[in-house]
Amino acid sequence: MNLRLLQLCDSAFPAGAYAFSDGLETLTTRGEVGGAADLTAFLRGQLAHGWGVQDAPACALAWRAGAGALRDLDALLDDLKLVEGPRRASLRVGVNLRRAARTLWPAEEGALCPTRHHATTFGALAGALGATREAAVTAYVSAWLLGRATSATRLMRLGGLEAQACAAACEAGALACVEAALLATPEDLGGFSPLLDVAAAEQAGLESRLFQT
């Protein structure tokens, strides 16, 4: 894993991914996720049935893909992301990631021109920066997992070490997610997580909120 990939997947990278909770804020507000065990279940569910079977394989397929394949992947993500909030969030983070990348690594701009969603932009950029496909997907999954764990510390009475323990408890699920993503074809992208989709859709209606969606 090269230094540029580590910079790209850092939580402080100015792509704005830290501003989204993937419905976790709604679930904590309702009391459906209220502690470490609940958070671990949420993370495992997303890896196995939601984000992990949609964005992770899209990232893998975008690695060093051609312009046509990247456009097809983005169109597929448009169709699969049924809830407007997460779909718009994915596009917004993709825009921010491209903007930052053009400033930091202008020589790689050509690899990013066709991409729109976060997953495809990350995969294409990681490939252009010299990361291996496996390293790119592993970094992408790790960034999502640790990002959601960090979000949880702002949403519930959960310390940083407890949140990291939840992420560590998801190691097997994260590795399985990476392995499946590396073997996936476009036809494998999907996901079925209705509770999480509803929570993400209802986030905008919360009386007060810390995250955008």
Protein backbone atom coordinates (compact mmCIF):
# COMPACT_ATOMS: atom_id res chain seq x y z
CA MET A 1 0.00 0.00 0.00
CA ASN A 2 1.64 3.26 -1.09
CA LEU A 3 1.73 6.58 0.74
CA ARG A 4 -0.65 8.28 -1.66
CA LEU A 5 -3.28 5.60 -1.07
CA LEU A 6 -2.89 6.07 2.70
CA GLN A 7 -3.45 9.79 2.22
CA LEU A 8 -6.48 9.14 0.02
CA CYS A 9 -8.22 6.90 2.56
CA ASP A 10 -7.41 9.06 5.59
CA SER A 11 -10.53 10.25 7.41
CA ALA A 12 -9.26 13.84 7.21
CA PHE A 13 -9.00 13.77 3.40
CA PRO A 14 -11.21 16.66 2.20
CA ALA A 15 -13.78 14.62 0.31
CA GLY A 16 -16.55 15.11 2.86
CA ALA A 17 -17.27 11.43 3.52
CA TYR A 18 -17.11 12.14 7.27
CA ALA A 19 -20.30 14.24 6.94
CA PHE A 20 -22.49 11.20 6.25
CA SER A 21 -23.63 8.43 8.60
CA ASP A 22 -25.44 6.03 6.20
CA GLY A 23 -28.59 6.14 8.32
CA LEU A 24 -26.78 5.52 11.59
CA GLU A 25 -27.92 8.86 13.01
CA THR A 26 -31.58 7.98 12.45
CA LEU A 27 -31.14 4.61 14.14
CA THR A 28 -29.39 6.11 17.16
CA THR A 29 -32.02 8.84 17.47
CA ARG A 30 -34.74 6.19 17.55
CA GLY A 31 -32.80 4.14 20.07
CA GLU A 32 -32.50 1.16 17.72
CA VAL A 33 -28.71 1.42 17.87
CA GLY A 34 -27.70 2.28 21.40
CA GLY A 35 -24.46 0.55 22.29
CA ALA A 36 -21.43 -1.37 21.14
CA ALA A 37 -23.29 -4.58 20.31
CA ASP A 38 -25.84 -2.68 18.21
CA LEU A 39 -23.12 -0.75 16.39
CA THR A 40 -21.26 -3.96 15.58
CA ALA A 41 -24.47 -5.46 14.17
CA PHE A 42 -25.06 -2.34 12.08
CA LEU A 43 -21.54 -2.44 10.64
CA ARG A 44 -21.72 -6.16 9.89
CA GLY A 45 -25.12 -5.75 8.24
CA GLN A 46 -23.87 -2.98 5.98
CA LEU A 47 -20.80 -4.97 4.98
CA ALA A 48 -22.77 -8.13 4.21
CA HIS A 49 -26.02 -6.80 2.75
CA GLY A 50 -25.81 -3.08 2.03
CA TRP A 51 -22.82 -0.87 1.31
CA GLY A 52 -20.46 -3.84 1.10
CA VAL A 53 -22.24 -5.51 -1.82
CA GLN A 54 -22.68 -2.31 -3.78
CA ASP A 55 -19.94 0.25 -3.30
CA ALA A 56 -17.05 -2.09 -2.49
CA PRO A 57 -17.39 -4.13 -5.72
CA ALA A 58 -17.95 -0.93 -7.70
CA CYS A 59 -14.62 0.34 -6.36
CA ALA A 60 -12.93 -2.91 -7.38
CA LEU A 61 -14.41 -2.82 -10.87
CA ALA A 62 -13.43 0.83 -11.36
CA TRP A 63 -9.75 0.12 -10.71
CA ARG A 64 -7.96 0.89 -14.00
CA ALA A 65 -11.22 0.48 -15.94
CA GLY A 66 -11.81 2.20 -19.26
CA ALA A 67 -14.00 5.25 -19.69
CA GLY A 68 -16.94 3.25 -21.02
CA ALA A 69 -16.86 0.77 -18.16
CA LEU A 70 -16.69 3.62 -15.63
CA ARG A 71 -19.74 5.29 -17.14
CA ASP A 72 -21.63 2.00 -17.05
CA LEU A 73 -20.70 1.48 -13.41
CA ASP A 74 -21.90 4.95 -12.47
CA ALA A 75 -25.17 4.40 -14.31
CA LEU A 76 -25.60 1.09 -12.47
CA LEU A 77 -25.03 2.80 -9.11
CA ASP A 78 -27.61 5.43 -10.06
CA ASP A 79 -30.14 2.63 -10.51
CA LEU A 80 -29.16 0.62 -7.43
CA LYS A 81 -29.13 3.52 -4.97
CA LEU A 82 -32.90 3.73 -4.60
CA VAL A 83 -32.87 6.23 -1.73
CA GLU A 84 -32.20 9.80 -2.84
CA GLY A 85 -30.11 10.81 0.19
CA PRO A 86 -27.42 8.12 -0.10
CA ARG A 87 -27.39 8.47 -3.89
CA ARG A 88 -26.80 12.22 -3.72
CA ALA A 89 -24.24 11.75 -0.96
CA SER A 90 -22.28 9.29 -3.10
CA LEU A 91 -22.27 11.75 -5.99
CA ARG A 92 -21.33 14.70 -3.77
CA VAL A 93 -18.40 12.90 -2.18
CA GLY A 94 -17.31 11.78 -5.65
CA VAL A 95 -17.26 15.41 -6.82
CA ASN A 96 -15.27 16.49 -3.75
CA LEU A 97 -12.82 13.64 -4.19
CA ARG A 98 -12.19 14.53 -7.83
CA ARG A 99 -11.69 18.19 -6.93
CA ALA A 100 -9.15 17.38 -4.23
CA ALA A 101 -7.36 14.85 -6.45
CA ARG A 102 -6.98 17.37 -9.28
CA THR A 103 -5.24 19.73 -6.87
CA LEU A 104 -2.98 17.12 -5.28
CA TRP A 105 -2.29 14.86 -8.28
CA PRO A 106 -3.05 16.83 -11.47
CA ALA A 107 -1.19 14.32 -13.64
CA GLU A 108 -3.87 11.71 -12.90
CA GLU A 109 -6.82 13.88 -13.96
CA GLY A 110 -7.37 11.87 -17.13
CA ALA A 111 -8.26 8.75 -15.13
CA LEU A 112 -11.06 10.59 -13.32
CA CYS A 113 -12.90 12.38 -16.11
CA PRO A 114 -15.70 9.81 -16.57
CA THR A 115 -16.36 9.05 -12.90
CA ARG A 116 -19.21 10.46 -10.77
CA HIS A 117 -19.87 8.28 -7.71
CA HIS A 118 -17.53 7.99 -4.73
CA ALA A 119 -16.83 4.28 -5.25
CA THR A 120 -15.88 4.59 -8.91
CA THR A 121 -13.84 7.73 -8.32
CA PHE A 122 -11.91 6.12 -5.46
CA GLY A 123 -11.21 2.94 -7.42
CA ALA A 124 -10.12 4.78 -10.57
CA LEU A 125 -7.95 7.22 -8.62
CA ALA A 126 -6.31 4.50 -6.51
CA GLY A 127 -5.38 2.65 -9.69
CA ALA A 128 -3.96 5.81 -11.24
CA LEU A 129 -1.92 6.45 -8.09
CA GLY A 130 -0.22 3.07 -8.45
CA ALA A 131 -2.09 1.07 -5.81
CA THR A 132 -2.78 -2.59 -6.46
CA ARG A 133 -6.40 -3.57 -6.89
CA GLU A 134 -6.48 -5.48 -3.61
CA ALA A 135 -4.87 -2.60 -1.72
CA ALA A 136 -7.32 -0.12 -3.22
CA VAL A 137 -10.39 -2.10 -2.19
CA THR A 138 -8.96 -2.91 1.25
CA ALA A 139 -8.29 0.78 1.86
CA TYR A 140 -11.77 1.71 0.66
CA VAL A 141 -13.49 -0.80 2.93
CA SER A 142 -11.28 0.16 5.87
CA ALA A 143 -12.01 3.87 5.38
CA TRP A 144 -15.76 3.22 5.38
CA LEU A 145 -15.65 0.92 8.42
CA LEU A 146 -13.51 3.23 10.54
CA GLY A 147 -15.44 6.27 9.36
CA ARG A 148 -18.75 4.84 10.56
CA ALA A 149 -17.19 3.76 13.84
CA THR A 150 -15.93 7.30 14.35
CA SER A 151 -19.38 8.68 13.52
CA ALA A 152 -20.82 6.52 16.29
CA THR A 153 -18.72 8.30 18.92
CA ARG A 154 -20.53 11.52 18.05
CA LEU A 155 -23.97 9.93 18.10
CA MET A 156 -24.03 7.82 21.24
CA ARG A 157 -22.26 7.33 24.55
CA LEU A 158 -19.43 5.39 23.06
CA GLY A 159 -15.76 6.12 23.55
CA GLY A 160 -13.16 5.98 20.83
CA LEU A 161 -11.66 2.75 22.06
CA GLU A 162 -15.07 1.09 22.26
CA ALA A 163 -15.88 2.19 18.71
CA GLN A 164 -12.55 0.83 17.48
CA ALA A 165 -13.34 -2.46 19.23
CA CYS A 166 -16.60 -2.63 17.26
CA ALA A 167 -14.67 -2.11 14.04
CA ALA A 168 -12.15 -4.78 15.06
CA ALA A 169 -15.01 -7.20 15.72
CA CYS A 170 -16.02 -6.74 12.08
CA GLU A 171 -12.62 -7.82 10.71
CA ALA A 172 -13.88 -11.12 9.31
CA GLY A 173 -16.82 -9.40 7.65
CA ALA A 174 -14.58 -6.70 6.20
CA LEU A 175 -12.14 -9.23 4.77
CA ALA A 176 -15.03 -11.23 3.30
CA CYS A 177 -16.35 -8.01 1.77
CA VAL A 178 -12.97 -7.29 0.15
CA GLU A 179 -12.64 -10.84 -1.16
CA ALA A 180 -16.13 -10.82 -2.66
CA ALA A 181 -15.56 -7.39 -4.20
CA LEU A 182 -12.40 -8.57 -5.95
CA LEU A 183 -14.31 -11.46 -7.55
CA ALA A 184 -17.43 -9.47 -8.45
CA THR A 185 -18.81 -8.68 -11.88
CA PRO A 186 -21.23 -5.80 -12.55
CA GLU A 187 -24.09 -8.29 -12.34
CA ASP A 188 -23.13 -9.05 -8.73
CA LEU A 189 -23.77 -5.52 -7.49
CA GLY A 190 -26.94 -5.30 -5.45
CA GLY A 191 -27.77 -5.18 -1.79
CA PHE A 192 -30.88 -5.67 0.31
CA SER A 193 -31.03 -3.63 3.50
CA PRO A 194 -34.53 -2.08 3.72
CA LEU A 195 -34.21 -1.00 7.36
CA LEU A 196 -31.01 0.88 6.60
CA ASP A 197 -32.52 2.39 3.44
CA VAL A 198 -35.54 3.66 5.36
CA ALA A 199 -33.31 5.07 8.10
CA ALA A 200 -31.21 6.91 5.52
CA ALA A 201 -34.33 8.25 3.80
CA GLU A 202 -35.77 9.56 7.07
CA GLN A 203 -32.59 11.27 8.21
CA ALA A 204 -33.51 14.55 6.50
CA GLY A 205 -36.66 14.74 8.64
CA LEU A 206 -34.91 14.55 12.01
CA GLU A 207 -35.55 17.54 14.25
CA SER A 208 -31.81 18.06 14.75
CA ARG A 209 -28.92 16.25 13.13
CA LEU A 210 -25.16 16.14 13.02
CA PHE A 211 -24.78 14.42 9.65
CA GLN A 212 -26.17 15.20 6.22
CA THR A 213 -27.53 11.70 5.58
